[in-house]
Amino acid sequence: MSNLLAKSSRFAVFAGLFLLCASSAWAICTPGATGPGTGNLRLRAAVDTDGDCKADFTVFRPENNVWYVAKSGGGFTYTPWGLATYDYTVPGDYDGDGKGDIAVWRDTDGNFYWLNSSDGSYNVIHFGQSGDEPVARDYDGDGKTDLAVIRRSNGNMVWYIRPSSGDGSYTGTFWGYSTDYATPGDYDGDGKFDLSIQRPGPTASSPAIFYTLNSSNGQSSFAYWGLSSDLVVPGDYDGDGKTDYAIVREGPTPASNLEWYIQKSSSSTGEYIYYKWGLTGSDINCQNDYDGDGVTDIAVWRDTDGVFYVLTMGPPSPQVIYYRWGQANDYPVAGYDTH
């Protein structure tokens, strides 16, 4: 669940940077540039508050409802926003300026609340109702985050989407069962997010199946990947502009490693990426593009020491970034895209 109260939220104001990674020669983003890009780059923009094409280390602190942002371009900000008891963090680029906006969706009133990074304006739009799950992404490919929620009703999952490019009207699409997990992503690489779900089997160890409705052609696709108990961590880990089916498997003990299994969308022969990264008992997944090369990095935030541990995935080879930011019971905002 994404609700800040429901999660064992893991966020202070100590910053220490330990980098073992130089800037990547693959950097493909021009700071300040706007436009849709690929759907996966929009995920980066959601937590890139300074527009330098790198995800910023960001935590939300439930005890005071403050967003703490360590900007990758230098400096940091503290912004009170939201109510931990009722709100979901829903970062995105709602104004389309290429920078992340601080945003929440409130379960008690069905409202999206956000601050535009372009002018600091306060925005509130009612969309959804109590019990819905927010899935705000860029579904129309115009470079702005669209308001969207999932409603589970009568055994079905209905996706309600209010396109930012429209007149305020919305669509409702049946995709999935109420027992499925939402896994939106740009799986066909057309710059628009696709409706996608992970369907668990009858037991925790049963294979899971992903079903995706491709926005490029309206066709559906499916893939067996992972087990029913696995966490879904969407991202473009191979840099081909498409979301990869990716899961994280927890171990049997708190000290066990997290295991990342990533099916490469760029491979026609079933190649996959596998890494052990993170600890089962203390870490929250927060994958994103932290080095600015356009490739999603494997990442976790550790509650016991307040450190982001990042394994960069772009060439020439994986590098490691450590960044201390936060304290026990904070929540890494980039974790909103784990399901």
C-alpha atoms as a PDB file:
ATOM      1  CA  MET A   1       0.000   0.000   0.000  1.00  0.00           C
ATOM      2  CA  SER A   2       1.148   3.541  -0.724  1.00  0.00           C
ATOM      3  CA  ASN A   3      -0.592   5.269   2.202  1.00  0.00           C
ATOM      4  CA  LEU A   4       2.000   6.843   4.457  1.00  0.00           C
ATOM      5  CA  LEU A   5       0.302   5.518   7.558  1.00  0.00           C
ATOM      6  CA  ALA A   6       0.001   1.996   6.170  1.00  0.00           C
ATOM      7  CA  LYS A   7       3.661   1.791   5.217  1.00  0.00           C
ATOM      8  CA  SER A   8       6.295   1.420   7.874  1.00  0.00           C
ATOM      9  CA  SER A   9       7.443   4.800   6.635  1.00  0.00           C
ATOM     10  CA  ARG A  10      11.167   5.142   6.715  1.00  0.00           C
ATOM     11  CA  PHE A  11      12.986  10.427   6.625  1.00  0.00           C
ATOM     12  CA  ALA A  12      16.570  14.363   8.599  1.00  0.00           C
ATOM     13  CA  VAL A  13      18.418  16.555   7.988  1.00  0.00           C
ATOM     14  CA  PHE A  14      21.867  15.079   7.861  1.00  0.00           C
ATOM     15  CA  ALA A  15      23.429  14.967   4.462  1.00  0.00           C
ATOM     16  CA  GLY A  16      26.639  13.207   3.689  1.00  0.00           C
ATOM     17  CA  LEU A  17      27.548  12.217   0.223  1.00  0.00           C
ATOM     18  CA  PHE A  18      29.846   9.340  -0.541  1.00  0.00           C
ATOM     19  CA  LEU A  19      30.194   8.889  -4.276  1.00  0.00           C
ATOM     20  CA  LEU A  20      32.013   6.137  -6.062  1.00  0.00           C
ATOM     21  CA  CYS A  21      30.503   7.133  -9.373  1.00  0.00           C
ATOM     22  CA  ALA A  22      31.544   9.706 -11.960  1.00  0.00           C
ATOM     23  CA  SER A  23      29.010  11.409 -14.225  1.00  0.00           C
ATOM     24  CA  SER A  24      27.906   9.162 -17.000  1.00  0.00           C
ATOM     25  CA  ALA A  25      28.845   9.790 -20.590  1.00  0.00           C
ATOM     26  CA  TRP A  26      25.386   8.548 -21.475  1.00  0.00           C
ATOM     27  CA  ALA A  27      23.627  11.606 -20.050  1.00  0.00           C
ATOM     28  CA  ILE A  28      20.851  12.431 -22.495  1.00  0.00           C
ATOM     29  CA  CYS A  29      18.938  15.183 -20.731  1.00  0.00           C
ATOM     30  CA  THR A  30      19.342  18.905 -21.260  1.00  0.00           C
ATOM     31  CA  PRO A  31      18.699  20.765 -17.974  1.00  0.00           C
ATOM     32  CA  GLY A  32      15.693  23.038 -18.263  1.00  0.00           C
ATOM     33  CA  ALA A  33      14.347  21.282 -21.352  1.00  0.00           C
ATOM     34  CA  THR A  34      10.665  20.433 -21.419  1.00  0.00           C
ATOM     35  CA  GLY A  35       8.669  17.980 -23.474  1.00  0.00           C
ATOM     36  CA  PRO A  36       7.402  14.471 -22.967  1.00  0.00           C
ATOM     37  CA  GLY A  37      10.465  12.333 -23.716  1.00  0.00           C
ATOM     38  CA  THR A  38       9.855   8.689 -22.892  1.00  0.00           C
ATOM     39  CA  GLY A  39       7.456   7.635 -20.188  1.00  0.00           C
ATOM     40  CA  ASN A  40      10.360   6.445 -18.070  1.00  0.00           C
ATOM     41  CA  LEU A  41      12.041   9.847 -18.153  1.00  0.00           C
ATOM     42  CA  ARG A  42       8.818  11.294 -16.768  1.00  0.00           C
ATOM     43  CA  LEU A  43       9.354   9.145 -13.674  1.00  0.00           C
ATOM     44  CA  ARG A  44      12.718  10.816 -13.231  1.00  0.00           C
ATOM     45  CA  ALA A  45      11.189  14.267 -13.711  1.00  0.00           C
ATOM     46  CA  ALA A  46       8.718  13.465 -10.927  1.00  0.00           C
ATOM     47  CA  VAL A  47      11.529  13.577  -8.348  1.00  0.00           C
ATOM     48  CA  ASP A  48      13.951  15.927 -10.149  1.00  0.00           C
ATOM     49  CA  THR A  49      13.016  19.190  -8.459  1.00  0.00           C
ATOM     50  CA  ASP A  50      15.954  21.244  -9.794  1.00  0.00           C
ATOM     51  CA  GLY A  51      15.706  20.152 -13.438  1.00  0.00           C
ATOM     52  CA  ASP A  52      19.284  18.875 -13.776  1.00  0.00           C
ATOM     53  CA  CYS A  53      18.135  15.528 -15.197  1.00  0.00           C
ATOM     54  CA  LYS A  54      18.928  13.534 -12.057  1.00  0.00           C
ATOM     55  CA  ALA A  55      16.501  12.222  -9.468  1.00  0.00           C
ATOM     56  CA  ASP A  56      16.898  14.100  -6.182  1.00  0.00           C
ATOM     57  CA  PHE A  57      17.177  12.269  -2.865  1.00  0.00           C
ATOM     58  CA  THR A  58      13.844  13.054  -1.247  1.00  0.00           C
ATOM     59  CA  VAL A  59      12.217  11.899   1.963  1.00  0.00           C
ATOM     60  CA  PHE A  60       8.914  12.664   3.631  1.00  0.00           C
ATOM     61  CA  ARG A  61       8.822  12.852   7.416  1.00  0.00           C
ATOM     62  CA  PRO A  62       5.501  11.683   8.893  1.00  0.00           C
ATOM     63  CA  GLU A  63       6.134  13.215  12.326  1.00  0.00           C
ATOM     64  CA  ASN A  64       6.022  16.777  10.916  1.00  0.00           C
ATOM     65  CA  ASN A  65       4.637  16.294   7.377  1.00  0.00           C
ATOM     66  CA  VAL A  66       7.703  17.845   5.741  1.00  0.00           C
ATOM     67  CA  TRP A  67       9.332  16.954   2.404  1.00  0.00           C
ATOM     68  CA  TYR A  68      13.144  17.106   2.638  1.00  0.00           C
ATOM     69  CA  VAL A  69      14.846  17.347  -0.747  1.00  0.00           C
ATOM     70  CA  ALA A  70      18.606  17.051  -1.297  1.00  0.00           C
ATOM     71  CA  LYS A  71      19.043  18.501  -4.770  1.00  0.00           C
ATOM     72  CA  SER A  72      21.546  16.699  -6.973  1.00  0.00           C
ATOM     73  CA  GLY A  73      22.516  20.100  -8.386  1.00  0.00           C
ATOM     74  CA  GLY A  74      23.369  21.356  -4.883  1.00  0.00           C
ATOM     75  CA  GLY A  75      21.475  22.608  -1.833  1.00  0.00           C
ATOM     76  CA  PHE A  76      18.340  21.334  -0.167  1.00  0.00           C
ATOM     77  CA  THR A  77      14.781  22.382   0.621  1.00  0.00           C
ATOM     78  CA  TYR A  78      12.240  21.678   3.374  1.00  0.00           C
ATOM     79  CA  THR A  79       8.572  21.942   2.434  1.00  0.00           C
ATOM     80  CA  PRO A  80       5.601  21.162   4.713  1.00  0.00           C
ATOM     81  CA  TRP A  81       3.029  19.414   2.516  1.00  0.00           C
ATOM     82  CA  GLY A  82       0.385  16.824   3.211  1.00  0.00           C
ATOM     83  CA  LEU A  83      -0.867  14.809   6.152  1.00  0.00           C
ATOM     84  CA  ALA A  84       0.827  11.496   6.834  1.00  0.00           C
ATOM     85  CA  THR A  85      -2.281   9.938   8.344  1.00  0.00           C
ATOM     86  CA  TYR A  86      -4.439  10.420   5.254  1.00  0.00           C
ATOM     87  CA  ASP A  87      -2.240  11.129   2.266  1.00  0.00           C
ATOM     88  CA  TYR A  88      -0.369   9.255  -0.458  1.00  0.00           C
ATOM     89  CA  THR A  89       2.761  10.847  -1.922  1.00  0.00           C
ATOM     90  CA  VAL A  90       2.152  11.334  -5.665  1.00  0.00           C
ATOM     91  CA  PRO A  91       5.150  13.289  -7.026  1.00  0.00           C
ATOM     92  CA  GLY A  92       4.968  14.247 -10.676  1.00  0.00           C
ATOM     93  CA  ASP A  93       5.538  16.995 -13.223  1.00  0.00           C
ATOM     94  CA  TYR A  94       2.030  18.425 -13.194  1.00  0.00           C
ATOM     95  CA  ASP A  95       2.926  21.720 -14.887  1.00  0.00           C
ATOM     96  CA  GLY A  96       5.193  20.242 -17.559  1.00  0.00           C
ATOM     97  CA  ASP A  97       8.289  22.338 -16.842  1.00  0.00           C
ATOM     98  CA  GLY A  98      10.618  19.351 -16.566  1.00  0.00           C
ATOM     99  CA  LYS A  99      10.847  19.589 -12.757  1.00  0.00           C
ATOM    100  CA  GLY A 100       9.169  17.527 -10.061  1.00  0.00           C
ATOM    101  CA  ASP A 101       6.253  18.994  -8.136  1.00  0.00           C
ATOM    102  CA  ILE A 102       5.510  18.135  -4.516  1.00  0.00           C
ATOM    103  CA  ALA A 103       2.108  16.459  -4.437  1.00  0.00           C
ATOM    104  CA  VAL A 104      -0.216  14.265  -2.369  1.00  0.00           C
ATOM    105  CA  TRP A 105      -3.569  12.595  -2.861  1.00  0.00           C
ATOM    106  CA  ARG A 106      -5.866  12.628   0.179  1.00  0.00           C
ATOM    107  CA  ASP A 107      -7.993   9.575   0.845  1.00  0.00           C
ATOM    108  CA  THR A 108     -10.533  11.364   3.034  1.00  0.00           C
ATOM    109  CA  ASP A 109     -11.631  13.887   0.389  1.00  0.00           C
ATOM    110  CA  GLY A 110     -10.371  12.466  -2.923  1.00  0.00           C
ATOM    111  CA  ASN A 111      -8.341  15.581  -3.698  1.00  0.00           C
ATOM    112  CA  PHE A 112      -4.956  15.984  -5.368  1.00  0.00           C
ATOM    113  CA  TYR A 113      -2.903  18.755  -3.751  1.00  0.00           C
ATOM    114  CA  TRP A 114       0.312  19.971  -5.388  1.00  0.00           C
ATOM    115  CA  LEU A 115       2.727  22.870  -5.712  1.00  0.00           C
ATOM    116  CA  ASN A 116       3.786  23.858  -9.219  1.00  0.00           C
ATOM    117  CA  SER A 117       7.568  24.153  -9.435  1.00  0.00           C
ATOM    118  CA  SER A 118       7.205  26.650 -12.291  1.00  0.00           C
ATOM    119  CA  ASP A 119       5.580  29.394 -10.222  1.00  0.00           C
ATOM    120  CA  GLY A 120       4.999  28.028  -6.699  1.00  0.00           C
ATOM    121  CA  SER A 121       1.225  28.085  -7.145  1.00  0.00           C
ATOM    122  CA  TYR A 122      -1.017  25.950  -4.974  1.00  0.00           C
ATOM    123  CA  ASN A 123      -3.355  23.559  -6.755  1.00  0.00           C
ATOM    124  CA  VAL A 124      -6.190  21.326  -5.605  1.00  0.00           C
ATOM    125  CA  ILE A 125      -8.438  19.216  -7.845  1.00  0.00           C
ATOM    126  CA  HIS A 126     -11.000  16.697  -6.713  1.00  0.00           C
ATOM    127  CA  PHE A 127     -10.524  13.368  -8.458  1.00  0.00           C
ATOM    128  CA  GLY A 128     -11.368  10.081  -6.815  1.00  0.00           C
ATOM    129  CA  GLN A 129     -13.000   8.902  -3.619  1.00  0.00           C
ATOM    130  CA  SER A 130     -12.017   7.254  -0.363  1.00  0.00           C
ATOM    131  CA  GLY A 131     -10.614   3.781  -0.945  1.00  0.00           C
ATOM    132  CA  ASP A 132      -9.162   4.567  -4.368  1.00  0.00           C
ATOM    133  CA  GLU A 133      -5.468   4.151  -5.197  1.00  0.00           C
ATOM    134  CA  PRO A 134      -3.722   7.104  -6.916  1.00  0.00           C
ATOM    135  CA  VAL A 135      -1.723   6.220 -10.051  1.00  0.00           C
ATOM    136  CA  ALA A 136      -0.886   9.663 -11.445  1.00  0.00           C
ATOM    137  CA  ARG A 137       1.363   9.291 -14.529  1.00  0.00           C
ATOM    138  CA  ASP A 138       1.620  10.781 -18.032  1.00  0.00           C
ATOM    139  CA  TYR A 139      -0.921   8.669 -19.923  1.00  0.00           C
ATOM    140  CA  ASP A 140      -1.441  11.047 -22.866  1.00  0.00           C
ATOM    141  CA  GLY A 141       2.240  11.719 -23.576  1.00  0.00           C
ATOM    142  CA  ASP A 142       2.086  15.523 -23.371  1.00  0.00           C
ATOM    143  CA  GLY A 143       4.846  15.797 -20.776  1.00  0.00           C
ATOM    144  CA  LYS A 144       2.531  16.515 -17.842  1.00  0.00           C
ATOM    145  CA  THR A 145       1.431  14.156 -15.098  1.00  0.00           C
ATOM    146  CA  ASP A 146      -2.252  13.234 -15.421  1.00  0.00           C
ATOM    147  CA  LEU A 147      -4.572  12.818 -12.461  1.00  0.00           C
ATOM    148  CA  ALA A 148      -5.520   9.160 -12.154  1.00  0.00           C
ATOM    149  CA  VAL A 149      -6.900   6.716  -9.606  1.00  0.00           C
ATOM    150  CA  ILE A 150      -7.761   3.041  -9.520  1.00  0.00           C
ATOM    151  CA  ARG A 151     -11.060   1.899  -8.020  1.00  0.00           C
ATOM    152  CA  ARG A 152     -11.593  -1.696  -6.956  1.00  0.00           C
ATOM    153  CA  SER A 153     -15.267  -2.545  -7.149  1.00  0.00           C
ATOM    154  CA  ASN A 154     -17.366  -5.687  -7.718  1.00  0.00           C
ATOM    155  CA  GLY A 155     -14.254  -7.758  -8.273  1.00  0.00           C
ATOM    156  CA  ASN A 156     -12.863  -5.450 -10.956  1.00  0.00           C
ATOM    157  CA  MET A 157     -10.185  -2.787 -11.209  1.00  0.00           C
ATOM    158  CA  VAL A 158     -11.241   0.406 -12.989  1.00  0.00           C
ATOM    159  CA  TRP A 159      -8.666   3.026 -14.063  1.00  0.00           C
ATOM    160  CA  TYR A 160     -10.036   6.586 -14.014  1.00  0.00           C
ATOM    161  CA  ILE A 161      -7.770   9.022 -15.850  1.00  0.00           C
ATOM    162  CA  ARG A 162      -8.152  12.795 -16.307  1.00  0.00           C
ATOM    163  CA  PRO A 163      -5.746  13.764 -19.129  1.00  0.00           C
ATOM    164  CA  SER A 164      -3.908  17.038 -18.642  1.00  0.00           C
ATOM    165  CA  SER A 165      -4.265  17.680 -22.376  1.00  0.00           C
ATOM    166  CA  GLY A 166      -8.070  17.494 -22.223  1.00  0.00           C
ATOM    167  CA  ASP A 167     -10.984  19.662 -21.160  1.00  0.00           C
ATOM    168  CA  GLY A 168     -11.323  18.258 -17.653  1.00  0.00           C
ATOM    169  CA  SER A 169     -13.234  15.159 -18.704  1.00  0.00           C
ATOM    170  CA  TYR A 170     -12.018  11.712 -17.771  1.00  0.00           C
ATOM    171  CA  THR A 171     -12.056   8.121 -18.950  1.00  0.00           C
ATOM    172  CA  GLY A 172     -12.800   4.908 -17.084  1.00  0.00           C
ATOM    173  CA  THR A 173     -11.194   1.675 -18.256  1.00  0.00           C
ATOM    174  CA  PHE A 174     -11.641  -1.797 -16.830  1.00  0.00           C
ATOM    175  CA  TRP A 175      -8.227  -3.427 -16.566  1.00  0.00           C
ATOM    176  CA  GLY A 176      -7.554  -6.079 -13.984  1.00  0.00           C
ATOM    177  CA  TYR A 177      -9.288  -7.705 -11.065  1.00  0.00           C
ATOM    178  CA  SER A 178      -9.660  -6.132  -7.653  1.00  0.00           C
ATOM    179  CA  THR A 179      -7.056  -8.584  -6.295  1.00  0.00           C
ATOM    180  CA  ASP A 180      -4.414  -7.478  -8.820  1.00  0.00           C
ATOM    181  CA  TYR A 181      -1.614  -4.963  -8.235  1.00  0.00           C
ATOM    182  CA  ALA A 182      -1.236  -1.839 -10.386  1.00  0.00           C
ATOM    183  CA  THR A 183       2.039  -1.640 -12.337  1.00  0.00           C
ATOM    184  CA  PRO A 184       1.754   1.291 -14.785  1.00  0.00           C
ATOM    185  CA  GLY A 185       4.694   1.893 -17.107  1.00  0.00           C
ATOM    186  CA  ASP A 186       5.686   2.726 -20.681  1.00  0.00           C
ATOM    187  CA  TYR A 187       6.110  -0.870 -21.793  1.00  0.00           C
ATOM    188  CA  ASP A 188       5.829  -0.161 -25.525  1.00  0.00           C
ATOM    189  CA  GLY A 189       8.124   2.893 -25.505  1.00  0.00           C
ATOM    190  CA  ASP A 190       5.709   5.358 -27.131  1.00  0.00           C
ATOM    191  CA  GLY A 191       6.093   8.008 -24.428  1.00  0.00           C
ATOM    192  CA  LYS A 192       2.724   7.242 -22.852  1.00  0.00           C
ATOM    193  CA  PHE A 193       2.099   5.181 -19.746  1.00  0.00           C
ATOM    194  CA  ASP A 194       0.249   1.928 -20.263  1.00  0.00           C
ATOM    195  CA  LEU A 195      -2.310   0.320 -17.984  1.00  0.00           C
ATOM    196  CA  SER A 196      -0.645  -2.720 -16.472  1.00  0.00           C
ATOM    197  CA  ILE A 197      -1.203  -5.089 -13.587  1.00  0.00           C
ATOM    198  CA  GLN A 198       0.551  -7.926 -11.801  1.00  0.00           C
ATOM    199  CA  ARG A 199      -1.773 -10.847 -11.125  1.00  0.00           C
ATOM    200  CA  PRO A 200      -0.772 -13.100  -8.221  1.00  0.00           C
ATOM    201  CA  GLY A 201      -1.392 -16.829  -8.234  1.00  0.00           C
ATOM    202  CA  PRO A 202      -3.185 -18.874  -5.559  1.00  0.00           C
ATOM    203  CA  THR A 203      -0.163 -19.021  -3.216  1.00  0.00           C
ATOM    204  CA  ALA A 204       2.777 -16.772  -2.394  1.00  0.00           C
ATOM    205  CA  SER A 205       5.124 -19.049  -4.315  1.00  0.00           C
ATOM    206  CA  SER A 206       2.917 -19.272  -7.411  1.00  0.00           C
ATOM    207  CA  PRO A 207       4.111 -17.557 -10.602  1.00  0.00           C
ATOM    208  CA  ALA A 208       2.796 -14.050 -11.172  1.00  0.00           C
ATOM    209  CA  ILE A 209       1.530 -12.800 -14.546  1.00  0.00           C
ATOM    210  CA  PHE A 210       1.741  -9.241 -15.884  1.00  0.00           C
ATOM    211  CA  TYR A 211      -1.036  -8.024 -18.190  1.00  0.00           C
ATOM    212  CA  THR A 212      -0.460  -4.781 -20.083  1.00  0.00           C
ATOM    213  CA  LEU A 213      -2.724  -2.698 -22.335  1.00  0.00           C
ATOM    214  CA  ASN A 214      -0.383  -1.015 -24.824  1.00  0.00           C
ATOM    215  CA  SER A 215      -1.255   2.618 -25.556  1.00  0.00           C
ATOM    216  CA  SER A 216       0.500   2.508 -28.943  1.00  0.00           C
ATOM    217  CA  ASN A 217      -1.930   0.077 -30.555  1.00  0.00           C
ATOM    218  CA  GLY A 218      -4.599  -0.833 -28.000  1.00  0.00           C
ATOM    219  CA  GLN A 219      -3.384  -4.429 -27.957  1.00  0.00           C
ATOM    220  CA  SER A 220      -2.833  -6.437 -24.794  1.00  0.00           C
ATOM    221  CA  SER A 221       0.249  -8.420 -23.857  1.00  0.00           C
ATOM    222  CA  PHE A 222       1.218 -10.634 -20.965  1.00  0.00           C
ATOM    223  CA  ALA A 223       4.369 -11.991 -19.367  1.00  0.00           C
ATOM    224  CA  TYR A 224       5.106 -14.476 -16.633  1.00  0.00           C
ATOM    225  CA  TRP A 225       7.649 -12.876 -14.305  1.00  0.00           C
ATOM    226  CA  GLY A 226       8.379 -13.452 -10.654  1.00  0.00           C
ATOM    227  CA  LEU A 227       6.306 -14.912  -7.850  1.00  0.00           C
ATOM    228  CA  SER A 228       3.060 -13.749  -6.328  1.00  0.00           C
ATOM    229  CA  SER A 229       4.799 -12.480  -3.183  1.00  0.00           C
ATOM    230  CA  ASP A 230       7.348 -10.349  -5.070  1.00  0.00           C
ATOM    231  CA  LEU A 231       7.322  -6.540  -5.092  1.00  0.00           C
ATOM    232  CA  VAL A 232       7.058  -4.846  -8.491  1.00  0.00           C
ATOM    233  CA  VAL A 233       9.690  -2.185  -9.261  1.00  0.00           C
ATOM    234  CA  PRO A 234       9.004  -0.822 -12.779  1.00  0.00           C
ATOM    235  CA  GLY A 235      11.755   1.024 -14.650  1.00  0.00           C
ATOM    236  CA  ASP A 236      13.897   1.142 -17.767  1.00  0.00           C
ATOM    237  CA  TYR A 237      16.976  -0.684 -16.491  1.00  0.00           C
ATOM    238  CA  ASP A 238      18.445  -1.484 -19.940  1.00  0.00           C
ATOM    239  CA  GLY A 239      18.072   2.005 -21.436  1.00  0.00           C
ATOM    240  CA  ASP A 240      15.943   1.133 -24.476  1.00  0.00           C
ATOM    241  CA  GLY A 241      13.122   3.561 -23.648  1.00  0.00           C
ATOM    242  CA  LYS A 242      10.721   0.844 -22.524  1.00  0.00           C
ATOM    243  CA  THR A 243       9.646  -0.177 -19.038  1.00  0.00           C
ATOM    244  CA  ASP A 244      11.040  -3.571 -18.051  1.00  0.00           C
ATOM    245  CA  TYR A 245       9.109  -6.132 -16.031  1.00  0.00           C
ATOM    246  CA  ALA A 246      11.040  -6.088 -12.778  1.00  0.00           C
ATOM    247  CA  ILE A 247      10.506  -7.517  -9.329  1.00  0.00           C
ATOM    248  CA  VAL A 248      12.230  -7.579  -5.945  1.00  0.00           C
ATOM    249  CA  ARG A 249      12.159 -10.716  -3.840  1.00  0.00           C
ATOM    250  CA  GLU A 250      12.467 -10.496  -0.080  1.00  0.00           C
ATOM    251  CA  GLY A 251      14.499 -13.053   1.846  1.00  0.00           C
ATOM    252  CA  PRO A 252      13.470 -15.303   4.759  1.00  0.00           C
ATOM    253  CA  THR A 253      15.097 -13.155   7.478  1.00  0.00           C
ATOM    254  CA  PRO A 254      15.513  -9.398   8.104  1.00  0.00           C
ATOM    255  CA  ALA A 255      19.231  -9.738   7.320  1.00  0.00           C
ATOM    256  CA  SER A 256      18.596 -11.512   4.008  1.00  0.00           C
ATOM    257  CA  ASN A 257      19.439  -9.659   0.810  1.00  0.00           C
ATOM    258  CA  LEU A 258      16.767  -8.317  -1.486  1.00  0.00           C
ATOM    259  CA  GLU A 259      17.004  -9.958  -4.895  1.00  0.00           C
ATOM    260  CA  TRP A 260      16.259  -7.955  -8.057  1.00  0.00           C
ATOM    261  CA  TYR A 261      15.098  -9.817 -11.179  1.00  0.00           C
ATOM    262  CA  ILE A 262      14.697  -7.636 -14.282  1.00  0.00           C
ATOM    263  CA  GLN A 263      13.488  -8.909 -17.641  1.00  0.00           C
ATOM    264  CA  LYS A 264      15.276  -6.879 -20.333  1.00  0.00           C
ATOM    265  CA  SER A 265      12.784  -5.497 -22.861  1.00  0.00           C
ATOM    266  CA  SER A 266      15.724  -4.970 -25.232  1.00  0.00           C
ATOM    267  CA  SER A 267      16.417  -8.713 -25.379  1.00  0.00           C
ATOM    268  CA  SER A 268      14.694 -11.063 -27.814  1.00  0.00           C
ATOM    269  CA  THR A 269      16.214 -14.118 -26.141  1.00  0.00           C
ATOM    270  CA  GLY A 270      14.897 -13.739 -22.596  1.00  0.00           C
ATOM    271  CA  GLU A 271      17.983 -12.163 -21.031  1.00  0.00           C
ATOM    272  CA  TYR A 272      17.509 -10.765 -17.573  1.00  0.00           C
ATOM    273  CA  ILE A 273      19.393  -8.752 -14.961  1.00  0.00           C
ATOM    274  CA  TYR A 274      19.938 -10.142 -11.484  1.00  0.00           C
ATOM    275  CA  TYR A 275      21.458  -8.417  -8.460  1.00  0.00           C
ATOM    276  CA  LYS A 276      21.370  -8.789  -4.718  1.00  0.00           C
ATOM    277  CA  TRP A 277      20.901  -5.261  -3.404  1.00  0.00           C
ATOM    278  CA  GLY A 278      19.450  -4.150  -0.088  1.00  0.00           C
ATOM    279  CA  LEU A 279      18.249  -5.854   3.086  1.00  0.00           C
ATOM    280  CA  THR A 280      14.850  -7.412   3.661  1.00  0.00           C
ATOM    281  CA  GLY A 281      14.207  -6.049   7.137  1.00  0.00           C
ATOM    282  CA  SER A 282      15.244  -2.406   6.842  1.00  0.00           C
ATOM    283  CA  ASP A 283      15.156  -1.210   3.237  1.00  0.00           C
ATOM    284  CA  ILE A 284      12.545   0.447   1.006  1.00  0.00           C
ATOM    285  CA  ASN A 285      12.909   0.205  -2.764  1.00  0.00           C
ATOM    286  CA  CYS A 286      13.312   3.607  -4.449  1.00  0.00           C
ATOM    287  CA  GLN A 287      14.576   2.914  -7.970  1.00  0.00           C
ATOM    288  CA  ASN A 288      15.052   5.908 -10.281  1.00  0.00           C
ATOM    289  CA  ASP A 289      17.681   7.584 -12.467  1.00  0.00           C
ATOM    290  CA  TYR A 290      20.075   9.145  -9.957  1.00  0.00           C
ATOM    291  CA  ASP A 291      23.066   9.699 -12.285  1.00  0.00           C
ATOM    292  CA  GLY A 292      21.177  11.263 -15.186  1.00  0.00           C
ATOM    293  CA  ASP A 293      21.992   8.778 -17.946  1.00  0.00           C
ATOM    294  CA  GLY A 294      18.382   7.919 -18.777  1.00  0.00           C
ATOM    295  CA  VAL A 295      18.623   4.450 -17.243  1.00  0.00           C
ATOM    296  CA  THR A 296      16.767   3.409 -14.082  1.00  0.00           C
ATOM    297  CA  ASP A 297      19.140   2.588 -11.222  1.00  0.00           C
ATOM    298  CA  ILE A 298      18.607  -0.086  -8.597  1.00  0.00           C
ATOM    299  CA  ALA A 299      18.195   1.717  -5.266  1.00  0.00           C
ATOM    300  CA  VAL A 300      17.026   1.329  -1.674  1.00  0.00           C
ATOM    301  CA  TRP A 301      16.768   3.609   1.348  1.00  0.00           C
ATOM    302  CA  ARG A 302      17.739   2.095   4.697  1.00  0.00           C
ATOM    303  CA  ASP A 303      15.687   2.983   7.749  1.00  0.00           C
ATOM    304  CA  THR A 304      18.392   2.028  10.245  1.00  0.00           C
ATOM    305  CA  ASP A 305      21.016   4.484   8.980  1.00  0.00           C
ATOM    306  CA  GLY A 306      19.130   6.951   6.744  1.00  0.00           C
ATOM    307  CA  VAL A 307      21.269   6.168   3.692  1.00  0.00           C
ATOM    308  CA  PHE A 308      20.303   5.824   0.042  1.00  0.00           C
ATOM    309  CA  TYR A 309      22.190   2.920  -1.548  1.00  0.00           C
ATOM    310  CA  VAL A 310      22.221   3.201  -5.345  1.00  0.00           C
ATOM    311  CA  LEU A 311      23.610   0.798  -7.944  1.00  0.00           C
ATOM    312  CA  THR A 312      23.774   2.652 -11.256  1.00  0.00           C
ATOM    313  CA  MET A 313      22.807   0.563 -14.252  1.00  0.00           C
ATOM    314  CA  GLY A 314      24.237   2.513 -17.216  1.00  0.00           C
ATOM    315  CA  PRO A 315      27.507   1.665 -18.964  1.00  0.00           C
ATOM    316  CA  PRO A 316      30.319   1.050 -18.783  1.00  0.00           C
ATOM    317  CA  SER A 317      29.632  -0.937 -15.610  1.00  0.00           C
ATOM    318  CA  PRO A 318      27.562  -0.616 -12.439  1.00  0.00           C
ATOM    319  CA  GLN A 319      28.812   1.976  -9.955  1.00  0.00           C
ATOM    320  CA  VAL A 320      27.787   2.609  -6.350  1.00  0.00           C
ATOM    321  CA  ILE A 321      26.410   5.795  -4.780  1.00  0.00           C
ATOM    322  CA  TYR A 322      25.836   6.238  -1.035  1.00  0.00           C
ATOM    323  CA  TYR A 323      23.919   9.291   0.187  1.00  0.00           C
ATOM    324  CA  ARG A 324      22.945   9.909   3.799  1.00  0.00           C
ATOM    325  CA  TRP A 325      19.605  11.720   3.938  1.00  0.00           C
ATOM    326  CA  GLY A 326      16.861  11.084   6.443  1.00  0.00           C
ATOM    327  CA  GLN A 327      16.227   9.430   9.757  1.00  0.00           C
ATOM    328  CA  ALA A 328      14.318   6.449  11.145  1.00  0.00           C
ATOM    329  CA  ASN A 329      10.635   6.307  10.194  1.00  0.00           C
ATOM    330  CA  ASP A 330      11.035   8.632   7.204  1.00  0.00           C
ATOM    331  CA  TYR A 331       9.776   7.547   3.784  1.00  0.00           C
ATOM    332  CA  PRO A 332      11.750   7.815   0.492  1.00  0.00           C
ATOM    333  CA  VAL A 333       9.394   9.517  -1.945  1.00  0.00           C
ATOM    334  CA  ALA A 334      10.746   7.611  -4.971  1.00  0.00           C
ATOM    335  CA  GLY A 335       9.297   4.491  -3.335  1.00  0.00           C
ATOM    336  CA  TYR A 336       5.856   5.542  -4.599  1.00  0.00           C
ATOM    337  CA  ASP A 337       6.520   3.585  -7.799  1.00  0.00           C
ATOM    338  CA  THR A 338       6.953   0.256  -6.000  1.00  0.00           C
ATOM    339  CA  HIS A 339       3.816  -1.903  -5.822  1.00  0.00           C
END
